[in-house]
Amino acid sequence: MPNGFSNLLGLFLINMYVKSASLIYFSPTGTTSKVCKSIIDGMQLELVQTINLTKPQARKVEIAQIEGDVVVWGMPVYEERIPGVVQSIIESLKGNGKLS
């Protein structure tokens, strides 16, 4: 099966079940944010929730519920680790059965 066909088939199958996305990101330079939004656009999903953990005050707010059918995560990796300032937030999130 040609690679392009399998990519289209995968996109079709995802879009049968997944219509919307929540975006959770930490992006000090803005690059991670742009890449994540491009991924969501490429998957042809509706962006229904954006949680930007970049600014310190945003990390103090409790995230009640994930709204999208799928969660797209984005953050830089430093020396094989995610940034320490977001680790505890990520560990505390409840996906309620959402894909990630």
PDB file of N, CA and C in Angstrom:
ATOM      1  N   MET A   1       0.858  -1.178   0.000  1.00  0.00           N
ATOM      2  CA  MET A   1       0.000   0.000   0.000  1.00  0.00           C
ATOM      3  C   MET A   1       0.902   1.238   0.000  1.00  0.00           C
ATOM      4  N   PRO A   2       0.718   2.164  -0.923  1.00  0.00           N
ATOM      5  CA  PRO A   2       1.536   3.369  -0.961  1.00  0.00           C
ATOM      6  C   PRO A   2       1.391   4.170   0.328  1.00  0.00           C
ATOM      7  N   ASN A   3       2.503   4.792   0.737  1.00  0.00           N
ATOM      8  CA  ASN A   3       2.530   5.538   1.998  1.00  0.00           C
ATOM      9  C   ASN A   3       1.495   6.659   2.022  1.00  0.00           C
ATOM     10  N   GLY A   4       1.334   7.381   0.940  1.00  0.00           N
ATOM     11  CA  GLY A   4       0.351   8.465   0.890  1.00  0.00           C
ATOM     12  C   GLY A   4      -1.062   7.969   1.128  1.00  0.00           C
ATOM     13  N   PHE A   5      -1.383   6.800   0.589  1.00  0.00           N
ATOM     14  CA  PHE A   5      -2.711   6.226   0.778  1.00  0.00           C
ATOM     15  C   PHE A   5      -2.941   5.862   2.243  1.00  0.00           C
ATOM     16  N   SER A   6      -1.952   5.252   2.882  1.00  0.00           N
ATOM     17  CA  SER A   6      -2.128   4.856   4.286  1.00  0.00           C
ATOM     18  C   SER A   6      -2.266   6.085   5.174  1.00  0.00           C
ATOM     19  N   ASN A   7      -1.564   7.166   4.840  1.00  0.00           N
ATOM     20  CA  ASN A   7      -1.716   8.410   5.600  1.00  0.00           C
ATOM     21  C   ASN A   7      -3.139   8.951   5.467  1.00  0.00           C
ATOM     22  N   LEU A   8      -3.682   8.930   4.251  1.00  0.00           N
ATOM     23  CA  LEU A   8      -5.049   9.405   4.038  1.00  0.00           C
ATOM     24  C   LEU A   8      -6.064   8.515   4.741  1.00  0.00           C
ATOM     25  N   LEU A   9      -5.835   7.212   4.693  1.00  0.00           N
ATOM     26  CA  LEU A   9      -6.729   6.275   5.367  1.00  0.00           C
ATOM     27  C   LEU A   9      -6.710   6.519   6.876  1.00  0.00           C
ATOM     28  N   GLY A  10      -5.524   6.712   7.444  1.00  0.00           N
ATOM     29  CA  GLY A  10      -5.413   6.990   8.876  1.00  0.00           C
ATOM     30  C   GLY A  10      -6.128   8.275   9.249  1.00  0.00           C
ATOM     31  N   LEU A  11      -5.969   9.325   8.445  1.00  0.00           N
ATOM     32  CA  LEU A  11      -6.649  10.591   8.689  1.00  0.00           C
ATOM     33  C   LEU A  11      -8.160  10.417   8.613  1.00  0.00           C
ATOM     34  N   PHE A  12      -8.628   9.642   7.645  1.00  0.00           N
ATOM     35  CA  PHE A  12     -10.061   9.382   7.510  1.00  0.00           C
ATOM     36  C   PHE A  12     -10.595   8.660   8.738  1.00  0.00           C
ATOM     37  N   LEU A  13      -9.884   7.622   9.191  1.00  0.00           N
ATOM     38  CA  LEU A  13     -10.345   6.858  10.351  1.00  0.00           C
ATOM     39  C   LEU A  13     -10.342   7.706  11.620  1.00  0.00           C
ATOM     40  N   ILE A  14      -9.323   8.541  11.790  1.00  0.00           N
ATOM     41  CA  ILE A  14      -9.283   9.432  12.956  1.00  0.00           C
ATOM     42  C   ILE A  14     -10.465  10.380  12.921  1.00  0.00           C
ATOM     43  N   ASN A  15     -10.742  10.952  11.758  1.00  0.00           N
ATOM     44  CA  ASN A  15     -11.823  11.929  11.650  1.00  0.00           C
ATOM     45  C   ASN A  15     -13.208  11.316  11.795  1.00  0.00           C
ATOM     46  N   MET A  16     -13.323   9.995  11.672  1.00  0.00           N
ATOM     47  CA  MET A  16     -14.614   9.344  11.906  1.00  0.00           C
ATOM     48  C   MET A  16     -14.988   9.430  13.383  1.00  0.00           C
ATOM     49  N   TYR A  17     -13.992   9.383  14.251  1.00  0.00           N
ATOM     50  CA  TYR A  17     -14.242   9.307  15.690  1.00  0.00           C
ATOM     51  C   TYR A  17     -13.795  10.546  16.456  1.00  0.00           C
ATOM     52  N   VAL A  18     -12.845  11.260  15.929  1.00  0.00           N
ATOM     53  CA  VAL A  18     -12.254  12.403  16.615  1.00  0.00           C
ATOM     54  C   VAL A  18     -12.575  13.666  15.829  1.00  0.00           C
ATOM     55  N   LYS A  19     -13.327  14.545  16.436  1.00  0.00           N
ATOM     56  CA  LYS A  19     -13.727  15.774  15.745  1.00  0.00           C
ATOM     57  C   LYS A  19     -13.087  17.029  16.340  1.00  0.00           C
ATOM     58  N   SER A  20     -12.684  16.960  17.617  1.00  0.00           N
ATOM     59  CA  SER A  20     -12.186  18.166  18.275  1.00  0.00           C
ATOM     60  C   SER A  20     -10.942  17.857  19.096  1.00  0.00           C
ATOM     61  N   ALA A  21     -10.189  18.908  19.387  1.00  0.00           N
ATOM     62  CA  ALA A  21      -8.945  18.740  20.129  1.00  0.00           C
ATOM     63  C   ALA A  21      -8.816  19.797  21.209  1.00  0.00           C
ATOM     64  N   SER A  22      -8.224  19.381  22.308  1.00  0.00           N
ATOM     65  CA  SER A  22      -7.748  20.306  23.338  1.00  0.00           C
ATOM     66  C   SER A  22      -6.244  20.393  23.167  1.00  0.00           C
ATOM     67  N   LEU A  23      -5.709  21.586  23.285  1.00  0.00           N
ATOM     68  CA  LEU A  23      -4.275  21.808  23.152  1.00  0.00           C
ATOM     69  C   LEU A  23      -3.730  22.253  24.499  1.00  0.00           C
ATOM     70  N   ILE A  24      -2.749  21.524  25.002  1.00  0.00           N
ATOM     71  CA  ILE A  24      -2.077  21.885  26.245  1.00  0.00           C
ATOM     72  C   ILE A  24      -0.600  22.045  25.906  1.00  0.00           C
ATOM     73  N   TYR A  25      -0.061  23.234  26.175  1.00  0.00           N
ATOM     74  CA  TYR A  25       1.328  23.434  25.794  1.00  0.00           C
ATOM     75  C   TYR A  25       2.068  24.372  26.738  1.00  0.00           C
ATOM     76  N   PHE A  26       3.385  24.233  26.724  1.00  0.00           N
ATOM     77  CA  PHE A  26       4.332  25.118  27.396  1.00  0.00           C
ATOM     78  C   PHE A  26       5.316  25.512  26.310  1.00  0.00           C
ATOM     79  N   SER A  27       5.335  26.786  25.959  1.00  0.00           N
ATOM     80  CA  SER A  27       6.098  27.219  24.793  1.00  0.00           C
ATOM     81  C   SER A  27       6.788  28.562  25.054  1.00  0.00           C
ATOM     82  N   PRO A  28       7.931  28.553  25.740  1.00  0.00           N
ATOM     83  CA  PRO A  28       8.608  29.807  26.063  1.00  0.00           C
ATOM     84  C   PRO A  28       8.991  30.655  24.850  1.00  0.00           C
ATOM     85  N   THR A  29       9.319  30.022  23.720  1.00  0.00           N
ATOM     86  CA  THR A  29       9.726  30.792  22.539  1.00  0.00           C
ATOM     87  C   THR A  29       8.615  30.921  21.503  1.00  0.00           C
ATOM     88  N   GLY A  30       7.507  30.178  21.678  1.00  0.00           N
ATOM     89  CA  GLY A  30       6.395  30.230  20.729  1.00  0.00           C
ATOM     90  C   GLY A  30       6.446  29.168  19.648  1.00  0.00           C
ATOM     91  N   THR A  31       7.573  28.507  19.481  1.00  0.00           N
ATOM     92  CA  THR A  31       7.710  27.500  18.431  1.00  0.00           C
ATOM     93  C   THR A  31       6.837  26.278  18.701  1.00  0.00           C
ATOM     94  N   THR A  32       6.833  25.792  19.930  1.00  0.00           N
ATOM     95  CA  THR A  32       6.030  24.616  20.271  1.00  0.00           C
ATOM     96  C   THR A  32       4.554  24.887  20.019  1.00  0.00           C
ATOM     97  N   SER A  33       4.091  26.064  20.356  1.00  0.00           N
ATOM     98  CA  SER A  33       2.698  26.444  20.120  1.00  0.00           C
ATOM     99  C   SER A  33       2.355  26.370  18.637  1.00  0.00           C
ATOM    100  N   LYS A  34       3.215  26.913  17.797  1.00  0.00           N
ATOM    101  CA  LYS A  34       2.981  26.903  16.355  1.00  0.00           C
ATOM    102  C   LYS A  34       2.945  25.476  15.806  1.00  0.00           C
ATOM    103  N   VAL A  35       3.858  24.642  16.262  1.00  0.00           N
ATOM    104  CA  VAL A  35       3.908  23.256  15.781  1.00  0.00           C
ATOM    105  C   VAL A  35       2.641  22.511  16.187  1.00  0.00           C
ATOM    106  N   CYS A  36       2.215  22.676  17.434  1.00  0.00           N
ATOM    107  CA  CYS A  36       1.003  21.988  17.909  1.00  0.00           C
ATOM    108  C   CYS A  36      -0.234  22.428  17.126  1.00  0.00           C
ATOM    109  N   LYS A  37      -0.355  23.714  16.892  1.00  0.00           N
ATOM    110  CA  LYS A  37      -1.507  24.210  16.131  1.00  0.00           C
ATOM    111  C   LYS A  37      -1.481  23.692  14.698  1.00  0.00           C
ATOM    112  N   SER A  38      -0.283  23.543  14.131  1.00  0.00           N
ATOM    113  CA  SER A  38      -0.169  22.979  12.782  1.00  0.00           C
ATOM    114  C   SER A  38      -0.586  21.513  12.755  1.00  0.00           C
ATOM    115  N   ILE A  39      -0.263  20.788  13.814  1.00  0.00           N
ATOM    116  CA  ILE A  39      -0.676  19.381  13.899  1.00  0.00           C
ATOM    117  C   ILE A  39      -2.192  19.289  13.932  1.00  0.00           C
ATOM    118  N   ILE A  40      -2.824  20.119  14.743  1.00  0.00           N
ATOM    119  CA  ILE A  40      -4.288  20.117  14.842  1.00  0.00           C
ATOM    120  C   ILE A  40      -4.912  20.502  13.503  1.00  0.00           C
ATOM    121  N   ASP A  41      -4.356  21.509  12.847  1.00  0.00           N
ATOM    122  CA  ASP A  41      -4.850  21.905  11.522  1.00  0.00           C
ATOM    123  C   ASP A  41      -4.689  20.761  10.522  1.00  0.00           C
ATOM    124  N   GLY A  42      -3.538  20.105  10.555  1.00  0.00           N
ATOM    125  CA  GLY A  42      -3.281  19.005   9.635  1.00  0.00           C
ATOM    126  C   GLY A  42      -4.215  17.815   9.849  1.00  0.00           C
ATOM    127  N   MET A  43      -4.646  17.625  11.087  1.00  0.00           N
ATOM    128  CA  MET A  43      -5.593  16.543  11.390  1.00  0.00           C
ATOM    129  C   MET A  43      -7.032  16.972  11.122  1.00  0.00           C
ATOM    130  N   GLN A  44      -7.206  18.226  10.722  1.00  0.00           N
ATOM    131  CA  GLN A  44      -8.522  18.795  10.413  1.00  0.00           C
ATOM    132  C   GLN A  44      -9.480  18.691  11.602  1.00  0.00           C
ATOM    133  N   LEU A  45      -8.971  19.043  12.783  1.00  0.00           N
ATOM    134  CA  LEU A  45      -9.776  19.014  14.002  1.00  0.00           C
ATOM    135  C   LEU A  45     -10.168  20.424  14.401  1.00  0.00           C
ATOM    136  N   GLU A  46     -11.296  20.532  15.084  1.00  0.00           N
ATOM    137  CA  GLU A  46     -11.715  21.809  15.645  1.00  0.00           C
ATOM    138  C   GLU A  46     -11.006  21.977  16.976  1.00  0.00           C
ATOM    139  N   LEU A  47     -10.324  23.104  17.156  1.00  0.00           N
ATOM    140  CA  LEU A  47      -9.648  23.408  18.413  1.00  0.00           C
ATOM    141  C   LEU A  47     -10.677  23.983  19.380  1.00  0.00           C
ATOM    142  N   VAL A  48     -11.039  23.229  20.420  1.00  0.00           N
ATOM    143  CA  VAL A  48     -12.101  23.654  21.329  1.00  0.00           C
ATOM    144  C   VAL A  48     -11.581  24.139  22.675  1.00  0.00           C
ATOM    145  N   GLN A  49     -10.311  23.897  22.955  1.00  0.00           N
ATOM    146  CA  GLN A  49      -9.765  24.303  24.241  1.00  0.00           C
ATOM    147  C   GLN A  49      -8.258  24.481  24.100  1.00  0.00           C
ATOM    148  N   THR A  50      -7.758  25.594  24.604  1.00  0.00           N
ATOM    149  CA  THR A  50      -6.320  25.849  24.603  1.00  0.00           C
ATOM    150  C   THR A  50      -5.891  26.155  26.028  1.00  0.00           C
ATOM    151  N   ILE A  51      -4.919  25.404  26.505  1.00  0.00           N
ATOM    152  CA  ILE A  51      -4.384  25.624  27.841  1.00  0.00           C
ATOM    153  C   ILE A  51      -2.905  25.929  27.675  1.00  0.00           C
ATOM    154  N   ASN A  52      -2.553  27.192  27.865  1.00  0.00           N
ATOM    155  CA  ASN A  52      -1.190  27.661  27.702  1.00  0.00           C
ATOM    156  C   ASN A  52      -0.543  27.716  29.093  1.00  0.00           C
ATOM    157  N   LEU A  53       0.410  26.852  29.340  1.00  0.00           N
ATOM    158  CA  LEU A  53       1.072  26.774  30.639  1.00  0.00           C
ATOM    159  C   LEU A  53       2.368  27.565  30.693  1.00  0.00           C
ATOM    160  N   THR A  54       2.592  28.427  29.722  1.00  0.00           N
ATOM    161  CA  THR A  54       3.856  29.142  29.633  1.00  0.00           C
ATOM    162  C   THR A  54       4.036  30.160  30.751  1.00  0.00           C
ATOM    163  N   LYS A  55       3.029  30.955  31.018  1.00  0.00           N
ATOM    164  CA  LYS A  55       3.152  32.004  32.039  1.00  0.00           C
ATOM    165  C   LYS A  55       2.882  31.432  33.432  1.00  0.00           C
ATOM    166  N   PRO A  56       3.641  31.887  34.428  1.00  0.00           N
ATOM    167  CA  PRO A  56       3.481  31.343  35.788  1.00  0.00           C
ATOM    168  C   PRO A  56       2.055  31.424  36.337  1.00  0.00           C
ATOM    169  N   GLN A  57       1.337  32.505  36.068  1.00  0.00           N
ATOM    170  CA  GLN A  57      -0.029  32.631  36.602  1.00  0.00           C
ATOM    171  C   GLN A  57      -0.971  31.590  36.003  1.00  0.00           C
ATOM    172  N   ALA A  58      -0.709  31.143  34.786  1.00  0.00           N
ATOM    173  CA  ALA A  58      -1.543  30.114  34.153  1.00  0.00           C
ATOM    174  C   ALA A  58      -1.351  28.759  34.819  1.00  0.00           C
ATOM    175  N   ARG A  59      -0.183  28.536  35.388  1.00  0.00           N
ATOM    176  CA  ARG A  59       0.103  27.261  36.043  1.00  0.00           C
ATOM    177  C   ARG A  59      -0.511  27.172  37.435  1.00  0.00           C
ATOM    178  N   LYS A  60      -1.064  28.256  37.933  1.00  0.00           N
ATOM    179  CA  LYS A  60      -1.685  28.271  39.255  1.00  0.00           C
ATOM    180  C   LYS A  60      -3.174  27.945  39.208  1.00  0.00           C
ATOM    181  N   VAL A  61      -3.752  27.940  38.014  1.00  0.00           N
ATOM    182  CA  VAL A  61      -5.186  27.694  37.845  1.00  0.00           C
ATOM    183  C   VAL A  61      -5.431  26.199  37.702  1.00  0.00           C
ATOM    184  N   GLU A  62      -6.426  25.684  38.411  1.00  0.00           N
ATOM    185  CA  GLU A  62      -6.768  24.278  38.284  1.00  0.00           C
ATOM    186  C   GLU A  62      -7.548  24.049  36.998  1.00  0.00           C
ATOM    187  N   ILE A  63      -7.164  23.045  36.251  1.00  0.00           N
ATOM    188  CA  ILE A  63      -7.834  22.714  35.001  1.00  0.00           C
ATOM    189  C   ILE A  63      -8.923  21.703  35.324  1.00  0.00           C
ATOM    190  N   ALA A  64     -10.170  22.126  35.167  1.00  0.00           N
ATOM    191  CA  ALA A  64     -11.302  21.316  35.609  1.00  0.00           C
ATOM    192  C   ALA A  64     -11.548  20.108  34.721  1.00  0.00           C
ATOM    193  N   GLN A  65     -11.603  20.317  33.426  1.00  0.00           N
ATOM    194  CA  GLN A  65     -11.994  19.223  32.541  1.00  0.00           C
ATOM    195  C   GLN A  65     -11.393  19.428  31.155  1.00  0.00           C
ATOM    196  N   ILE A  66     -11.005  18.328  30.546  1.00  0.00           N
ATOM    197  CA  ILE A  66     -10.522  18.353  29.171  1.00  0.00           C
ATOM    198  C   ILE A  66     -11.748  18.251  28.265  1.00  0.00           C
ATOM    199  N   GLU A  67     -11.884  19.168  27.307  1.00  0.00           N
ATOM    200  CA  GLU A  67     -13.101  19.253  26.500  1.00  0.00           C
ATOM    201  C   GLU A  67     -13.028  18.537  25.157  1.00  0.00           C
ATOM    202  N   GLY A  68     -11.873  18.483  24.539  1.00  0.00           N
ATOM    203  CA  GLY A  68     -11.772  17.904  23.200  1.00  0.00           C
ATOM    204  C   GLY A  68     -11.819  16.389  23.206  1.00  0.00           C
ATOM    205  N   ASP A  69     -12.034  15.804  22.021  1.00  0.00           N
ATOM    206  CA  ASP A  69     -12.025  14.354  21.864  1.00  0.00           C
ATOM    207  C   ASP A  69     -10.617  13.792  22.035  1.00  0.00           C
ATOM    208  N   VAL A  70      -9.615  14.594  21.719  1.00  0.00           N
ATOM    209  CA  VAL A  70      -8.213  14.190  21.810  1.00  0.00           C
ATOM    210  C   VAL A  70      -7.431  15.363  22.412  1.00  0.00           C
ATOM    211  N   VAL A  71      -6.335  15.040  23.088  1.00  0.00           N
ATOM    212  CA  VAL A  71      -5.470  16.068  23.661  1.00  0.00           C
ATOM    213  C   VAL A  71      -4.158  16.078  22.892  1.00  0.00           C
ATOM    214  N   VAL A  72      -3.763  17.261  22.434  1.00  0.00           N
ATOM    215  CA  VAL A  72      -2.460  17.437  21.804  1.00  0.00           C
ATOM    216  C   VAL A  72      -1.584  18.166  22.827  1.00  0.00           C
ATOM    217  N   TRP A  73      -0.491  17.507  23.206  1.00  0.00           N
ATOM    218  CA  TRP A  73       0.446  18.057  24.176  1.00  0.00           C
ATOM    219  C   TRP A  73       1.642  18.641  23.452  1.00  0.00           C
ATOM    220  N   GLY A  74       2.196  19.702  23.993  1.00  0.00           N
ATOM    221  CA  GLY A  74       3.413  20.235  23.413  1.00  0.00           C
ATOM    222  C   GLY A  74       4.262  20.930  24.456  1.00  0.00           C
ATOM    223  N   MET A  75       5.519  20.571  24.477  1.00  0.00           N
ATOM    224  CA  MET A  75       6.485  21.248  25.336  1.00  0.00           C
ATOM    225  C   MET A  75       7.869  20.865  24.871  1.00  0.00           C
ATOM    226  N   PRO A  76       8.829  21.747  25.089  1.00  0.00           N
ATOM    227  CA  PRO A  76      10.195  21.394  24.712  1.00  0.00           C
ATOM    228  C   PRO A  76      10.736  20.328  25.664  1.00  0.00           C
ATOM    229  N   VAL A  77      11.745  19.631  25.212  1.00  0.00           N
ATOM    230  CA  VAL A  77      12.408  18.627  26.043  1.00  0.00           C
ATOM    231  C   VAL A  77      13.844  19.095  26.240  1.00  0.00           C
ATOM    232  N   TYR A  78      14.241  19.185  27.498  1.00  0.00           N
ATOM    233  CA  TYR A  78      15.595  19.609  27.846  1.00  0.00           C
ATOM    234  C   TYR A  78      16.329  18.428  28.470  1.00  0.00           C
ATOM    235  N   GLU A  79      17.401  17.984  27.827  1.00  0.00           N
ATOM    236  CA  GLU A  79      18.200  16.865  28.327  1.00  0.00           C
ATOM    237  C   GLU A  79      17.325  15.668  28.687  1.00  0.00           C
ATOM    238  N   GLU A  80      16.448  15.294  27.773  1.00  0.00           N
ATOM    239  CA  GLU A  80      15.555  14.146  27.887  1.00  0.00           C
ATOM    240  C   GLU A  80      14.485  14.301  28.967  1.00  0.00           C
ATOM    241  N   ARG A  81      14.205  15.512  29.387  1.00  0.00           N
ATOM    242  CA  ARG A  81      13.190  15.750  30.418  1.00  0.00           C
ATOM    243  C   ARG A  81      12.277  16.899  29.999  1.00  0.00           C
ATOM    244  N   ILE A  82      11.020  16.812  30.454  1.00  0.00           N
ATOM    245  CA  ILE A  82      10.123  17.941  30.223  1.00  0.00           C
ATOM    246  C   ILE A  82      10.449  19.007  31.267  1.00  0.00           C
ATOM    247  N   PRO A  83      10.069  20.263  31.014  1.00  0.00           N
ATOM    248  CA  PRO A  83      10.369  21.319  31.978  1.00  0.00           C
ATOM    249  C   PRO A  83       9.739  21.036  33.346  1.00  0.00           C
ATOM    250  N   GLY A  84      10.537  21.164  34.375  1.00  0.00           N
ATOM    251  CA  GLY A  84      10.085  20.880  35.733  1.00  0.00           C
ATOM    252  C   GLY A  84       8.894  21.714  36.174  1.00  0.00           C
ATOM    253  N   VAL A  85       8.769  22.921  35.635  1.00  0.00           N
ATOM    254  CA  VAL A  85       7.673  23.798  36.068  1.00  0.00           C
ATOM    255  C   VAL A  85       6.305  23.291  35.642  1.00  0.00           C
ATOM    256  N   VAL A  86       6.240  22.369  34.681  1.00  0.00           N
ATOM    257  CA  VAL A  86       4.941  21.844  34.250  1.00  0.00           C
ATOM    258  C   VAL A  86       4.715  20.381  34.620  1.00  0.00           C
ATOM    259  N   GLN A  87       5.726  19.726  35.146  1.00  0.00           N
ATOM    260  CA  GLN A  87       5.625  18.293  35.465  1.00  0.00           C
ATOM    261  C   GLN A  87       4.460  17.994  36.410  1.00  0.00           C
ATOM    262  N   SER A  88       4.342  18.715  37.511  1.00  0.00           N
ATOM    263  CA  SER A  88       3.282  18.412  38.487  1.00  0.00           C
ATOM    264  C   SER A  88       1.893  18.711  37.921  1.00  0.00           C
ATOM    265  N   ILE A  89       1.801  19.717  37.074  1.00  0.00           N
ATOM    266  CA  ILE A  89       0.508  20.036  36.450  1.00  0.00           C
ATOM    267  C   ILE A  89       0.079  18.894  35.541  1.00  0.00           C
ATOM    268  N   ILE A  90       0.990  18.413  34.741  1.00  0.00           N
ATOM    269  CA  ILE A  90       0.683  17.322  33.819  1.00  0.00           C
ATOM    270  C   ILE A  90       0.274  16.073  34.594  1.00  0.00           C
ATOM    271  N   GLU A  91       0.971  15.789  35.664  1.00  0.00           N
ATOM    272  CA  GLU A  91       0.649  14.612  36.470  1.00  0.00           C
ATOM    273  C   GLU A  91      -0.724  14.721  37.127  1.00  0.00           C
ATOM    274  N   SER A  92      -1.192  15.945  37.375  1.00  0.00           N
ATOM    275  CA  SER A  92      -2.475  16.128  38.058  1.00  0.00           C
ATOM    276  C   SER A  92      -3.678  16.152  37.115  1.00  0.00           C
ATOM    277  N   LEU A  93      -3.439  16.256  35.808  1.00  0.00           N
ATOM    278  CA  LEU A  93      -4.560  16.337  34.862  1.00  0.00           C
ATOM    279  C   LEU A  93      -5.314  15.026  34.777  1.00  0.00           C
ATOM    280  N   LYS A  94      -6.616  15.143  34.638  1.00  0.00           N
ATOM    281  CA  LYS A  94      -7.479  13.975  34.477  1.00  0.00           C
ATOM    282  C   LYS A  94      -8.062  14.030  33.062  1.00  0.00           C
ATOM    283  N   GLY A  95      -7.797  13.001  32.292  1.00  0.00           N
ATOM    284  CA  GLY A  95      -8.230  12.980  30.899  1.00  0.00           C
ATOM    285  C   GLY A  95      -9.656  12.499  30.714  1.00  0.00           C
ATOM    286  N   ASN A  96     -10.242  11.872  31.707  1.00  0.00           N
ATOM    287  CA  ASN A  96     -11.614  11.377  31.605  1.00  0.00           C
ATOM    288  C   ASN A  96     -11.833  10.514  30.373  1.00  0.00           C
ATOM    289  N   GLY A  97     -10.852   9.668  30.072  1.00  0.00           N
ATOM    290  CA  GLY A  97     -10.994   8.746  28.952  1.00  0.00           C
ATOM    291  C   GLY A  97     -10.643   9.343  27.595  1.00  0.00           C
ATOM    292  N   LYS A  98     -10.115  10.568  27.541  1.00  0.00           N
ATOM    293  CA  LYS A  98      -9.770  11.202  26.268  1.00  0.00           C
ATOM    294  C   LYS A  98      -8.488  10.608  25.703  1.00  0.00           C
ATOM    295  N   LEU A  99      -8.353  10.644  24.403  1.00  0.00           N
ATOM    296  CA  LEU A  99      -7.135  10.202  23.738  1.00  0.00           C
ATOM    297  C   LEU A  99      -6.072  11.258  23.892  1.00  0.00           C
ATOM    298  N   SER A 100      -4.838  10.832  23.975  1.00  0.00           N
ATOM    299  CA  SER A 100      -3.741  11.769  24.129  1.00  0.00           C
ATOM    300  C   SER A 100      -2.573  11.321  23.278  1.00  0.00           C
TER     301      SER A 100
END
